[in-house]
């Protein structure tokens, strides 16, 4: 889309359009610079299976907004992952840039969410924090 005029684009999610994120989850590729030419936002769909757990990480330079469609997740957050938050269907969650976090799905069913970020290249500022992994049971 470098030299093309801006255009509206519709995407329909399918299993064939997923990618594996550094965080350890698979995402529907959705709205991103790579898929639709967005300049300042991305939007993905995420399904976390029961027992699924992300790697401890932060997004160095972009904010995250999440809307949970289905299920329940638990997220540990803070410099030492010292805070615990339950997030369920119908909840909205904001994660500021630079905030360490680690979400997981305690089950019994899948958790599904819409995730939006202020970087059109969602994986660009993901920083893994393996030194924090042992802090979450």
C-alpha atoms as a PDB file:
ATOM      1  CA  UNK A   1       0.000   0.000   0.000  1.00  0.00           C
ATOM      2  CA  UNK A   2       2.998   2.347  -0.115  1.00  0.00           C
ATOM      3  CA  UNK A   3       1.875   4.235  -3.251  1.00  0.00           C
ATOM      4  CA  UNK A   4      -1.794   3.284  -3.249  1.00  0.00           C
ATOM      5  CA  UNK A   5      -4.617   5.524  -2.101  1.00  0.00           C
ATOM      6  CA  UNK A   6      -6.046   4.626   1.323  1.00  0.00           C
ATOM      7  CA  UNK A   7      -8.916   2.163   1.184  1.00  0.00           C
ATOM      8  CA  UNK A   8     -11.318   0.401   3.508  1.00  0.00           C
ATOM      9  CA  UNK A   9     -10.587  -3.277   4.057  1.00  0.00           C
ATOM     10  CA  UNK A  10     -12.804  -6.012   5.497  1.00  0.00           C
ATOM     11  CA  UNK A  11     -11.225  -9.120   7.016  1.00  0.00           C
ATOM     12  CA  UNK A  12     -13.008 -12.315   8.025  1.00  0.00           C
ATOM     13  CA  UNK A  13     -11.161 -14.384  10.632  1.00  0.00           C
ATOM     14  CA  UNK A  14     -10.023 -17.885   9.683  1.00  0.00           C
ATOM     15  CA  UNK A  15      -7.604 -20.376  11.221  1.00  0.00           C
ATOM     16  CA  UNK A  16      -5.386 -20.035   8.143  1.00  0.00           C
ATOM     17  CA  UNK A  17      -4.667 -16.399   9.016  1.00  0.00           C
ATOM     18  CA  UNK A  18      -2.934 -16.809  12.356  1.00  0.00           C
ATOM     19  CA  UNK A  19       0.589 -16.127  13.530  1.00  0.00           C
ATOM     20  CA  UNK A  20       2.542 -17.192  16.611  1.00  0.00           C
ATOM     21  CA  UNK A  21       3.410 -14.248  18.837  1.00  0.00           C
ATOM     22  CA  UNK A  22       6.589 -13.989  20.893  1.00  0.00           C
ATOM     23  CA  UNK A  23       4.357 -14.101  23.981  1.00  0.00           C
ATOM     24  CA  UNK A  24       3.505 -17.764  23.313  1.00  0.00           C
ATOM     25  CA  UNK A  25      -0.027 -17.420  21.903  1.00  0.00           C
ATOM     26  CA  UNK A  26      -1.426 -17.703  18.371  1.00  0.00           C
ATOM     27  CA  UNK A  27      -3.337 -14.660  17.095  1.00  0.00           C
ATOM     28  CA  UNK A  28      -5.645 -13.997  14.147  1.00  0.00           C
ATOM     29  CA  UNK A  29      -3.478 -11.574  12.159  1.00  0.00           C
ATOM     30  CA  UNK A  30      -6.288  -9.035  11.863  1.00  0.00           C
ATOM     31  CA  UNK A  31      -5.707  -5.339  11.333  1.00  0.00           C
ATOM     32  CA  UNK A  32      -2.011  -4.458  11.047  1.00  0.00           C
ATOM     33  CA  UNK A  33       0.427  -2.632   8.806  1.00  0.00           C
ATOM     34  CA  UNK A  34       1.244  -5.944   7.136  1.00  0.00           C
ATOM     35  CA  UNK A  35      -2.368  -6.899   6.375  1.00  0.00           C
ATOM     36  CA  UNK A  36      -4.190  -3.647   5.615  1.00  0.00           C
ATOM     37  CA  UNK A  37      -1.521  -0.943   5.677  1.00  0.00           C
ATOM     38  CA  UNK A  38      -2.586   0.606   8.985  1.00  0.00           C
ATOM     39  CA  UNK A  39      -0.297   3.370  10.223  1.00  0.00           C
ATOM     40  CA  UNK A  40      -0.976   3.640  13.966  1.00  0.00           C
ATOM     41  CA  UNK A  41      -3.119   0.746  15.227  1.00  0.00           C
ATOM     42  CA  UNK A  42      -3.467  -3.010  15.132  1.00  0.00           C
ATOM     43  CA  UNK A  43      -6.355  -5.268  16.177  1.00  0.00           C
ATOM     44  CA  UNK A  44      -6.172  -9.008  16.677  1.00  0.00           C
ATOM     45  CA  UNK A  45      -8.338 -11.838  17.937  1.00  0.00           C
ATOM     46  CA  UNK A  46      -6.911 -14.142  20.563  1.00  0.00           C
ATOM     47  CA  UNK A  47      -8.197 -17.460  21.880  1.00  0.00           C
ATOM     48  CA  UNK A  48      -6.410 -18.786  24.953  1.00  0.00           C
ATOM     49  CA  UNK A  49      -7.117 -22.486  25.491  1.00  0.00           C
ATOM     50  CA  UNK A  50      -7.801 -23.780  29.007  1.00  0.00           C
ATOM     51  CA  UNK A  51      -4.467 -23.888  30.833  1.00  0.00           C
ATOM     52  CA  UNK A  52      -2.836 -21.625  28.235  1.00  0.00           C
ATOM     53  CA  UNK A  53      -0.240 -19.258  29.622  1.00  0.00           C
ATOM     54  CA  UNK A  54       1.737 -16.430  27.994  1.00  0.00           C
ATOM     55  CA  UNK A  55       5.393 -15.762  28.602  1.00  0.00           C
ATOM     56  CA  UNK A  56       6.112 -12.823  30.910  1.00  0.00           C
ATOM     57  CA  UNK A  57       6.534  -9.789  28.667  1.00  0.00           C
ATOM     58  CA  UNK A  58       5.923  -6.110  28.088  1.00  0.00           C
ATOM     59  CA  UNK A  59       5.206  -3.918  25.080  1.00  0.00           C
ATOM     60  CA  UNK A  60       7.975  -1.320  25.223  1.00  0.00           C
ATOM     61  CA  UNK A  61       6.399   1.398  23.141  1.00  0.00           C
ATOM     62  CA  UNK A  62       2.718   0.669  22.676  1.00  0.00           C
ATOM     63  CA  UNK A  63      -0.446   0.621  24.741  1.00  0.00           C
ATOM     64  CA  UNK A  64      -2.896  -2.291  24.694  1.00  0.00           C
ATOM     65  CA  UNK A  65      -6.685  -2.341  24.998  1.00  0.00           C
ATOM     66  CA  UNK A  66      -8.499  -5.665  25.371  1.00  0.00           C
ATOM     67  CA  UNK A  67     -12.188  -6.593  25.281  1.00  0.00           C
ATOM     68  CA  UNK A  68     -12.923 -10.090  26.582  1.00  0.00           C
ATOM     69  CA  UNK A  69     -15.623 -11.816  24.548  1.00  0.00           C
ATOM     70  CA  UNK A  70     -15.764 -15.145  26.358  1.00  0.00           C
ATOM     71  CA  UNK A  71     -14.203 -16.961  29.293  1.00  0.00           C
ATOM     72  CA  UNK A  72     -12.004 -15.862  32.164  1.00  0.00           C
ATOM     73  CA  UNK A  73      -8.312 -15.022  32.348  1.00  0.00           C
ATOM     74  CA  UNK A  74      -5.995 -14.136  35.178  1.00  0.00           C
ATOM     75  CA  UNK A  75      -3.255 -11.596  34.607  1.00  0.00           C
ATOM     76  CA  UNK A  76      -0.282 -10.908  36.832  1.00  0.00           C
ATOM     77  CA  UNK A  77       1.209  -7.474  36.261  1.00  0.00           C
ATOM     78  CA  UNK A  78       3.678  -4.974  37.693  1.00  0.00           C
ATOM     79  CA  UNK A  79       7.477  -4.706  37.813  1.00  0.00           C
ATOM     80  CA  UNK A  80       7.671  -8.027  39.706  1.00  0.00           C
ATOM     81  CA  UNK A  81       4.266  -9.359  38.530  1.00  0.00           C
ATOM     82  CA  UNK A  82       3.088  -8.651  42.059  1.00  0.00           C
ATOM     83  CA  UNK A  83      -0.494  -7.681  41.138  1.00  0.00           C
ATOM     84  CA  UNK A  84      -3.209 -10.190  40.174  1.00  0.00           C
ATOM     85  CA  UNK A  85      -6.333  -9.343  38.181  1.00  0.00           C
ATOM     86  CA  UNK A  86      -9.200 -11.517  36.939  1.00  0.00           C
ATOM     87  CA  UNK A  87     -10.640 -10.416  33.601  1.00  0.00           C
ATOM     88  CA  UNK A  88     -13.814 -12.011  32.241  1.00  0.00           C
ATOM     89  CA  UNK A  89     -16.383 -11.797  29.479  1.00  0.00           C
ATOM     90  CA  UNK A  90     -17.615  -8.240  29.051  1.00  0.00           C
ATOM     91  CA  UNK A  91     -14.578  -6.655  30.738  1.00  0.00           C
ATOM     92  CA  UNK A  92     -12.326  -4.063  29.135  1.00  0.00           C
ATOM     93  CA  UNK A  93      -8.638  -4.024  30.084  1.00  0.00           C
ATOM     94  CA  UNK A  94      -5.986  -1.346  29.531  1.00  0.00           C
ATOM     95  CA  UNK A  95      -2.250  -2.160  29.700  1.00  0.00           C
ATOM     96  CA  UNK A  96       0.107   0.840  29.505  1.00  0.00           C
ATOM     97  CA  UNK A  97       3.292   0.716  27.448  1.00  0.00           C
ATOM     98  CA  UNK A  98       6.215  -0.754  29.360  1.00  0.00           C
ATOM     99  CA  UNK A  99       4.087  -2.674  31.909  1.00  0.00           C
ATOM    100  CA  UNK A 100       5.260  -6.249  32.573  1.00  0.00           C
ATOM    101  CA  UNK A 101       2.403  -8.749  32.502  1.00  0.00           C
ATOM    102  CA  UNK A 102       1.625 -12.448  32.190  1.00  0.00           C
ATOM    103  CA  UNK A 103      -1.896 -13.647  31.392  1.00  0.00           C
ATOM    104  CA  UNK A 104      -3.193 -17.211  31.592  1.00  0.00           C
ATOM    105  CA  UNK A 105      -6.474 -19.061  31.300  1.00  0.00           C
ATOM    106  CA  UNK A 106      -7.326 -21.166  34.375  1.00  0.00           C
ATOM    107  CA  UNK A 107     -10.147 -22.864  32.412  1.00  0.00           C
ATOM    108  CA  UNK A 108     -12.361 -24.763  32.151  1.00  0.00           C
ATOM    109  CA  UNK A 109     -13.233 -23.301  28.725  1.00  0.00           C
ATOM    110  CA  UNK A 110     -11.416 -21.150  26.182  1.00  0.00           C
ATOM    111  CA  UNK A 111     -11.034 -17.395  26.653  1.00  0.00           C
ATOM    112  CA  UNK A 112     -11.510 -15.198  23.588  1.00  0.00           C
ATOM    113  CA  UNK A 113     -10.655 -11.508  23.277  1.00  0.00           C
ATOM    114  CA  UNK A 114     -10.270  -8.627  20.862  1.00  0.00           C
ATOM    115  CA  UNK A 115      -6.883  -6.949  21.331  1.00  0.00           C
ATOM    116  CA  UNK A 116      -5.962  -3.494  19.997  1.00  0.00           C
ATOM    117  CA  UNK A 117      -2.562  -1.849  20.225  1.00  0.00           C
ATOM    118  CA  UNK A 118      -1.140   1.542  19.307  1.00  0.00           C
ATOM    119  CA  UNK A 119       1.602   0.046  17.112  1.00  0.00           C
ATOM    120  CA  UNK A 120       0.592  -1.170  13.654  1.00  0.00           C
ATOM    121  CA  UNK A 121       3.346  -3.816  13.912  1.00  0.00           C
ATOM    122  CA  UNK A 122       2.114  -5.557  17.077  1.00  0.00           C
ATOM    123  CA  UNK A 123       5.223  -7.685  17.637  1.00  0.00           C
ATOM    124  CA  UNK A 124       7.737  -4.866  17.110  1.00  0.00           C
ATOM    125  CA  UNK A 125       8.066  -3.764  20.731  1.00  0.00           C
ATOM    126  CA  UNK A 126       7.350  -7.061  22.527  1.00  0.00           C
ATOM    127  CA  UNK A 127      10.096  -7.683  25.098  1.00  0.00           C
ATOM    128  CA  UNK A 128      10.202 -11.097  26.769  1.00  0.00           C
ATOM    129  CA  UNK A 129      11.012 -11.132  30.491  1.00  0.00           C
ATOM    130  CA  UNK A 130      12.152 -14.701  31.297  1.00  0.00           C
ATOM    131  CA  UNK A 131      13.603 -13.519  34.608  1.00  0.00           C
ATOM    132  CA  UNK A 132      10.010 -12.964  35.844  1.00  0.00           C
ATOM    133  CA  UNK A 133       8.576 -16.358  34.814  1.00  0.00           C
ATOM    134  CA  UNK A 134       9.205 -18.010  38.191  1.00  0.00           C
ATOM    135  CA  UNK A 135       7.198 -15.312  40.021  1.00  0.00           C
ATOM    136  CA  UNK A 136       3.849 -16.636  38.745  1.00  0.00           C
ATOM    137  CA  UNK A 137       2.630 -20.012  40.058  1.00  0.00           C
END
